[in-house]
Amino acid sequence: MWDVRALVGHTNRALLTVAAYLSAEDGLADSPEVGDDVGDAVGYLRATAGSVADPDDVAARGVAAGAALGSAPAAAVALARDGALAALDSTGREARITVVGGLRLPVDEYLRTRVLELVVHGDDLVRAVAGAGHVVTVAVPAEAVRASSLLLTDAAVRRGDGPLLLRALSGRGALPAD
């Protein structure tokens, strides 16, 4: 099941997928006929929301990704970061990319979803380590938190939950418990 290594491995996939999709010949698509165009990051989140796999499968992939970090997890994450940055350097951010499930969107919009993954799962890691009794001091860049919050807000608005979120954020209501 989930442990810190599995969660790091799962989180690291946000970096690995950037390099993999930008480096793969079939990931970059200049033809509008390639893949199902979801338009933007919100479209991607909406398209993938219904396809969330069995939690046990996700956990098993996390365990496998954690094992793939090898004996030097920090070095493996740094290598994934460097690979993602190198792939981005060789690709225009306005290029369109085909990702999981044949979904197609601009590279910069896909990056918004990867930042969201890193911020959310980074927070999961901080809470897991702190919950194990370790002192953790992490300052997530405010811009990353802002960008992630805006993406989730845009997704809530498109889903029809904007007023509910607005009431909760303004102290005039609560979000549902489930």
C-alpha atoms as a PDB file:
ATOM      1  CA  MET A   1       0.000   0.000   0.000  1.00  0.00           C
ATOM      2  CA  TRP A   2       1.010   3.671   0.146  1.00  0.00           C
ATOM      3  CA  ASP A   3       4.152   4.672   1.959  1.00  0.00           C
ATOM      4  CA  VAL A   4       6.345   7.764   1.585  1.00  0.00           C
ATOM      5  CA  ARG A   5       8.491   6.169  -1.146  1.00  0.00           C
ATOM      6  CA  ALA A   6       5.396   5.210  -3.157  1.00  0.00           C
ATOM      7  CA  LEU A   7       3.987   8.713  -2.781  1.00  0.00           C
ATOM      8  CA  VAL A   8       7.289  10.238  -3.938  1.00  0.00           C
ATOM      9  CA  GLY A   9       7.315   7.873  -6.916  1.00  0.00           C
ATOM     10  CA  HIS A  10       3.710   8.738  -7.771  1.00  0.00           C
ATOM     11  CA  THR A  11       4.434  12.465  -7.454  1.00  0.00           C
ATOM     12  CA  ASN A  12       7.574  12.147  -9.570  1.00  0.00           C
ATOM     13  CA  ARG A  13       5.424  10.922 -12.459  1.00  0.00           C
ATOM     14  CA  ALA A  14       4.298  14.543 -12.881  1.00  0.00           C
ATOM     15  CA  LEU A  15       7.864  15.238 -14.031  1.00  0.00           C
ATOM     16  CA  LEU A  16       8.430  11.985 -15.894  1.00  0.00           C
ATOM     17  CA  THR A  17       5.327  12.366 -18.044  1.00  0.00           C
ATOM     18  CA  VAL A  18       6.417  15.812 -19.234  1.00  0.00           C
ATOM     19  CA  ALA A  19       9.709  14.446 -20.526  1.00  0.00           C
ATOM     20  CA  ALA A  20       8.093  11.301 -21.920  1.00  0.00           C
ATOM     21  CA  TYR A  21       5.327  13.065 -23.832  1.00  0.00           C
ATOM     22  CA  LEU A  22       7.546  15.837 -25.148  1.00  0.00           C
ATOM     23  CA  SER A  23      10.283  13.419 -26.178  1.00  0.00           C
ATOM     24  CA  ALA A  24       8.018  10.867 -27.850  1.00  0.00           C
ATOM     25  CA  GLU A  25       7.370  11.331 -31.543  1.00  0.00           C
ATOM     26  CA  ASP A  26       3.730  10.455 -31.018  1.00  0.00           C
ATOM     27  CA  GLY A  27       3.373  12.889 -28.110  1.00  0.00           C
ATOM     28  CA  LEU A  28       3.861  16.028 -30.143  1.00  0.00           C
ATOM     29  CA  ALA A  29       1.108  16.536 -32.644  1.00  0.00           C
ATOM     30  CA  ASP A  30       0.897  19.354 -35.150  1.00  0.00           C
ATOM     31  CA  SER A  31      -2.064  17.827 -36.939  1.00  0.00           C
ATOM     32  CA  PRO A  32      -5.491  18.790 -35.560  1.00  0.00           C
ATOM     33  CA  GLU A  33      -6.756  15.303 -36.382  1.00  0.00           C
ATOM     34  CA  VAL A  34      -4.486  13.613 -33.828  1.00  0.00           C
ATOM     35  CA  GLY A  35      -6.178  12.834 -30.515  1.00  0.00           C
ATOM     36  CA  ASP A  36      -9.267  14.196 -28.794  1.00  0.00           C
ATOM     37  CA  ASP A  37      -8.680  17.926 -28.320  1.00  0.00           C
ATOM     38  CA  VAL A  38      -9.649  18.910 -24.769  1.00  0.00           C
ATOM     39  CA  GLY A  39      -8.640  22.535 -25.300  1.00  0.00           C
ATOM     40  CA  ASP A  40      -6.996  23.382 -22.003  1.00  0.00           C
ATOM     41  CA  ALA A  41      -6.011  22.192 -18.526  1.00  0.00           C
ATOM     42  CA  VAL A  42      -9.596  22.310 -17.256  1.00  0.00           C
ATOM     43  CA  GLY A  43     -10.723  20.230 -20.225  1.00  0.00           C
ATOM     44  CA  TYR A  44      -7.969  17.744 -19.424  1.00  0.00           C
ATOM     45  CA  LEU A  45      -9.052  17.510 -15.776  1.00  0.00           C
ATOM     46  CA  ARG A  46     -12.667  17.033 -16.810  1.00  0.00           C
ATOM     47  CA  ALA A  47     -11.771  14.405 -19.394  1.00  0.00           C
ATOM     48  CA  THR A  48      -9.633  12.415 -16.972  1.00  0.00           C
ATOM     49  CA  ALA A  49     -11.889  12.784 -13.909  1.00  0.00           C
ATOM     50  CA  GLY A  50     -14.182   9.965 -14.968  1.00  0.00           C
ATOM     51  CA  SER A  51     -11.307   7.671 -15.866  1.00  0.00           C
ATOM     52  CA  VAL A  52      -9.705   7.459 -12.443  1.00  0.00           C
ATOM     53  CA  ALA A  53      -8.543   3.898 -12.041  1.00  0.00           C
ATOM     54  CA  ASP A  54      -9.199   1.559  -9.180  1.00  0.00           C
ATOM     55  CA  PRO A  55      -7.486   3.008  -6.065  1.00  0.00           C
ATOM     56  CA  ASP A  56      -5.664  -0.299  -5.550  1.00  0.00           C
ATOM     57  CA  ASP A  57      -4.255  -0.054  -9.106  1.00  0.00           C
ATOM     58  CA  VAL A  58      -3.167   3.546  -8.498  1.00  0.00           C
ATOM     59  CA  ALA A  59      -1.497   2.494  -5.240  1.00  0.00           C
ATOM     60  CA  ALA A  60       0.239  -0.431  -6.970  1.00  0.00           C
ATOM     61  CA  ARG A  61       1.572   1.922  -9.662  1.00  0.00           C
ATOM     62  CA  GLY A  62       2.730   4.259  -6.889  1.00  0.00           C
ATOM     63  CA  VAL A  63       4.598   1.426  -5.190  1.00  0.00           C
ATOM     64  CA  ALA A  64       6.203   0.474  -8.523  1.00  0.00           C
ATOM     65  CA  ALA A  65       7.127   4.117  -9.212  1.00  0.00           C
ATOM     66  CA  GLY A  66       8.620   4.339  -5.724  1.00  0.00           C
ATOM     67  CA  ALA A  67      10.693   1.226  -6.306  1.00  0.00           C
ATOM     68  CA  ALA A  68      11.872   2.687  -9.633  1.00  0.00           C
ATOM     69  CA  LEU A  69      13.448   5.560  -7.706  1.00  0.00           C
ATOM     70  CA  GLY A  70      16.225   3.140  -6.772  1.00  0.00           C
ATOM     71  CA  SER A  71      18.689   3.625  -3.955  1.00  0.00           C
ATOM     72  CA  ALA A  72      18.936   7.406  -4.443  1.00  0.00           C
ATOM     73  CA  PRO A  73      15.361   8.764  -4.616  1.00  0.00           C
ATOM     74  CA  ALA A  74      16.384  12.426  -4.398  1.00  0.00           C
ATOM     75  CA  ALA A  75      18.797  11.978  -7.305  1.00  0.00           C
ATOM     76  CA  ALA A  76      16.102  10.185  -9.319  1.00  0.00           C
ATOM     77  CA  VAL A  77      13.667  13.063  -8.765  1.00  0.00           C
ATOM     78  CA  ALA A  78      16.346  15.607  -9.702  1.00  0.00           C
ATOM     79  CA  LEU A  79      17.064  13.625 -12.873  1.00  0.00           C
ATOM     80  CA  ALA A  80      13.334  13.598 -13.722  1.00  0.00           C
ATOM     81  CA  ARG A  81      13.175  17.357 -13.136  1.00  0.00           C
ATOM     82  CA  ASP A  82      16.179  17.929 -15.368  1.00  0.00           C
ATOM     83  CA  GLY A  83      14.696  15.684 -18.058  1.00  0.00           C
ATOM     84  CA  ALA A  84      11.406  17.596 -17.993  1.00  0.00           C
ATOM     85  CA  LEU A  85      13.206  20.939 -18.211  1.00  0.00           C
ATOM     86  CA  ALA A  86      15.409  19.736 -21.086  1.00  0.00           C
ATOM     87  CA  ALA A  87      12.356  18.462 -22.986  1.00  0.00           C
ATOM     88  CA  LEU A  88      10.644  21.820 -22.438  1.00  0.00           C
ATOM     89  CA  ASP A  89      13.709  23.692 -23.684  1.00  0.00           C
ATOM     90  CA  SER A  90      13.503  21.827 -26.981  1.00  0.00           C
ATOM     91  CA  THR A  91       9.741  22.256 -27.431  1.00  0.00           C
ATOM     92  CA  GLY A  92       7.693  25.378 -27.881  1.00  0.00           C
ATOM     93  CA  ARG A  93       5.117  25.771 -25.151  1.00  0.00           C
ATOM     94  CA  GLU A  94       2.529  26.693 -27.753  1.00  0.00           C
ATOM     95  CA  ALA A  95       2.959  23.246 -29.366  1.00  0.00           C
ATOM     96  CA  ARG A  96       0.110  20.801 -28.939  1.00  0.00           C
ATOM     97  CA  ILE A  97       0.764  17.492 -27.205  1.00  0.00           C
ATOM     98  CA  THR A  98      -1.089  14.186 -27.130  1.00  0.00           C
ATOM     99  CA  VAL A  99      -1.101  12.649 -23.678  1.00  0.00           C
ATOM    100  CA  VAL A 100      -2.729   9.773 -21.815  1.00  0.00           C
ATOM    101  CA  GLY A 101      -5.897   8.464 -23.419  1.00  0.00           C
ATOM    102  CA  GLY A 102      -5.183  10.284 -26.687  1.00  0.00           C
ATOM    103  CA  LEU A 103      -6.103  13.633 -25.148  1.00  0.00           C
ATOM    104  CA  ARG A 104      -4.658  16.639 -26.931  1.00  0.00           C
ATOM    105  CA  LEU A 105      -3.892  20.101 -25.531  1.00  0.00           C
ATOM    106  CA  PRO A 106      -1.219  22.808 -25.628  1.00  0.00           C
ATOM    107  CA  VAL A 107       2.010  22.009 -23.789  1.00  0.00           C
ATOM    108  CA  ASP A 108       1.614  25.008 -21.467  1.00  0.00           C
ATOM    109  CA  GLU A 109      -1.864  23.807 -20.483  1.00  0.00           C
ATOM    110  CA  TYR A 110      -0.558  20.303 -19.760  1.00  0.00           C
ATOM    111  CA  LEU A 111       2.122  21.906 -17.586  1.00  0.00           C
ATOM    112  CA  ARG A 112      -0.607  23.519 -15.485  1.00  0.00           C
ATOM    113  CA  THR A 113      -1.888  20.025 -14.646  1.00  0.00           C
ATOM    114  CA  ARG A 114       1.612  18.866 -13.724  1.00  0.00           C
ATOM    115  CA  VAL A 115       2.113  21.828 -11.389  1.00  0.00           C
ATOM    116  CA  LEU A 116      -1.204  20.936  -9.766  1.00  0.00           C
ATOM    117  CA  GLU A 117      -0.014  17.344  -9.276  1.00  0.00           C
ATOM    118  CA  LEU A 118       3.268  18.492  -7.762  1.00  0.00           C
ATOM    119  CA  VAL A 119       1.592  20.967  -5.394  1.00  0.00           C
ATOM    120  CA  VAL A 120      -1.169  18.616  -4.231  1.00  0.00           C
ATOM    121  CA  HIS A 121       1.007  15.535  -3.836  1.00  0.00           C
ATOM    122  CA  GLY A 122       3.838  17.616  -2.399  1.00  0.00           C
ATOM    123  CA  ASP A 123       1.423  18.672   0.320  1.00  0.00           C
ATOM    124  CA  ASP A 124       0.404  15.018   0.771  1.00  0.00           C
ATOM    125  CA  LEU A 125       4.090  14.202   1.317  1.00  0.00           C
ATOM    126  CA  VAL A 126       4.584  16.994   3.846  1.00  0.00           C
ATOM    127  CA  ARG A 127       1.534  15.819   5.807  1.00  0.00           C
ATOM    128  CA  ALA A 128       2.615  12.167   5.652  1.00  0.00           C
ATOM    129  CA  VAL A 129       6.113  12.907   6.916  1.00  0.00           C
ATOM    130  CA  ALA A 130       4.858  15.334   9.566  1.00  0.00           C
ATOM    131  CA  GLY A 131       2.257  12.763  10.597  1.00  0.00           C
ATOM    132  CA  ALA A 132       5.087  10.314  11.234  1.00  0.00           C
ATOM    133  CA  GLY A 133       6.528  12.725  13.790  1.00  0.00           C
ATOM    134  CA  HIS A 134       9.126  14.457  11.640  1.00  0.00           C
ATOM    135  CA  VAL A 135       9.571  18.207  11.577  1.00  0.00           C
ATOM    136  CA  VAL A 136       8.983  19.399   8.034  1.00  0.00           C
ATOM    137  CA  THR A 137       9.478  22.918   6.790  1.00  0.00           C
ATOM    138  CA  VAL A 138       8.471  23.363   3.173  1.00  0.00           C
ATOM    139  CA  ALA A 139       7.604  26.624   1.511  1.00  0.00           C
ATOM    140  CA  VAL A 140       5.599  25.907  -1.602  1.00  0.00           C
ATOM    141  CA  PRO A 141       5.985  28.855  -3.941  1.00  0.00           C
ATOM    142  CA  ALA A 142       2.961  31.100  -3.649  1.00  0.00           C
ATOM    143  CA  GLU A 143       2.646  31.258  -7.431  1.00  0.00           C
ATOM    144  CA  ALA A 144       2.380  27.458  -7.625  1.00  0.00           C
ATOM    145  CA  VAL A 145      -0.333  27.424  -4.952  1.00  0.00           C
ATOM    146  CA  ARG A 146      -2.132  30.269  -6.719  1.00  0.00           C
ATOM    147  CA  ALA A 147      -1.918  28.584 -10.138  1.00  0.00           C
ATOM    148  CA  SER A 148      -3.150  25.281  -8.714  1.00  0.00           C
ATOM    149  CA  SER A 149      -5.986  26.957  -6.822  1.00  0.00           C
ATOM    150  CA  LEU A 150      -7.048  28.875  -9.932  1.00  0.00           C
ATOM    151  CA  LEU A 151      -7.039  25.709 -12.021  1.00  0.00           C
ATOM    152  CA  LEU A 152      -9.207  23.898  -9.476  1.00  0.00           C
ATOM    153  CA  THR A 153     -11.485  26.934  -9.220  1.00  0.00           C
ATOM    154  CA  ASP A 154     -11.887  27.055 -13.009  1.00  0.00           C
ATOM    155  CA  ALA A 155     -12.679  23.340 -12.997  1.00  0.00           C
ATOM    156  CA  ALA A 156     -15.299  23.835 -10.251  1.00  0.00           C
ATOM    157  CA  VAL A 157     -16.916  26.699 -12.170  1.00  0.00           C
ATOM    158  CA  ARG A 158     -17.108  24.687 -15.413  1.00  0.00           C
ATOM    159  CA  ARG A 159     -18.543  21.772 -13.463  1.00  0.00           C
ATOM    160  CA  GLY A 160     -21.276  24.053 -12.091  1.00  0.00           C
ATOM    161  CA  ASP A 161     -19.905  24.193  -8.543  1.00  0.00           C
ATOM    162  CA  GLY A 162     -18.682  27.798  -8.696  1.00  0.00           C
ATOM    163  CA  PRO A 163     -21.359  29.250  -6.400  1.00  0.00           C
ATOM    164  CA  LEU A 164     -20.783  26.477  -3.836  1.00  0.00           C
ATOM    165  CA  LEU A 165     -17.038  27.157  -3.856  1.00  0.00           C
ATOM    166  CA  LEU A 166     -17.578  30.922  -3.657  1.00  0.00           C
ATOM    167  CA  ARG A 167     -19.825  30.526  -0.617  1.00  0.00           C
ATOM    168  CA  ALA A 168     -17.266  28.268   1.094  1.00  0.00           C
ATOM    169  CA  LEU A 169     -14.331  30.574   0.368  1.00  0.00           C
ATOM    170  CA  SER A 170     -16.256  33.633   1.566  1.00  0.00           C
ATOM    171  CA  GLY A 171     -17.331  31.949   4.816  1.00  0.00           C
ATOM    172  CA  ARG A 172     -20.983  31.794   3.782  1.00  0.00           C
ATOM    173  CA  GLY A 173     -21.196  28.024   3.471  1.00  0.00           C
ATOM    174  CA  ALA A 174     -19.259  24.800   3.695  1.00  0.00           C
ATOM    175  CA  LEU A 175     -18.047  22.351   1.133  1.00  0.00           C
ATOM    176  CA  PRO A 176     -19.747  18.952   1.193  1.00  0.00           C
ATOM    177  CA  ALA A 177     -17.988  16.376   3.358  1.00  0.00           C
ATOM    178  CA  ASP A 178     -17.739  13.806   0.551  1.00  0.00           C
END
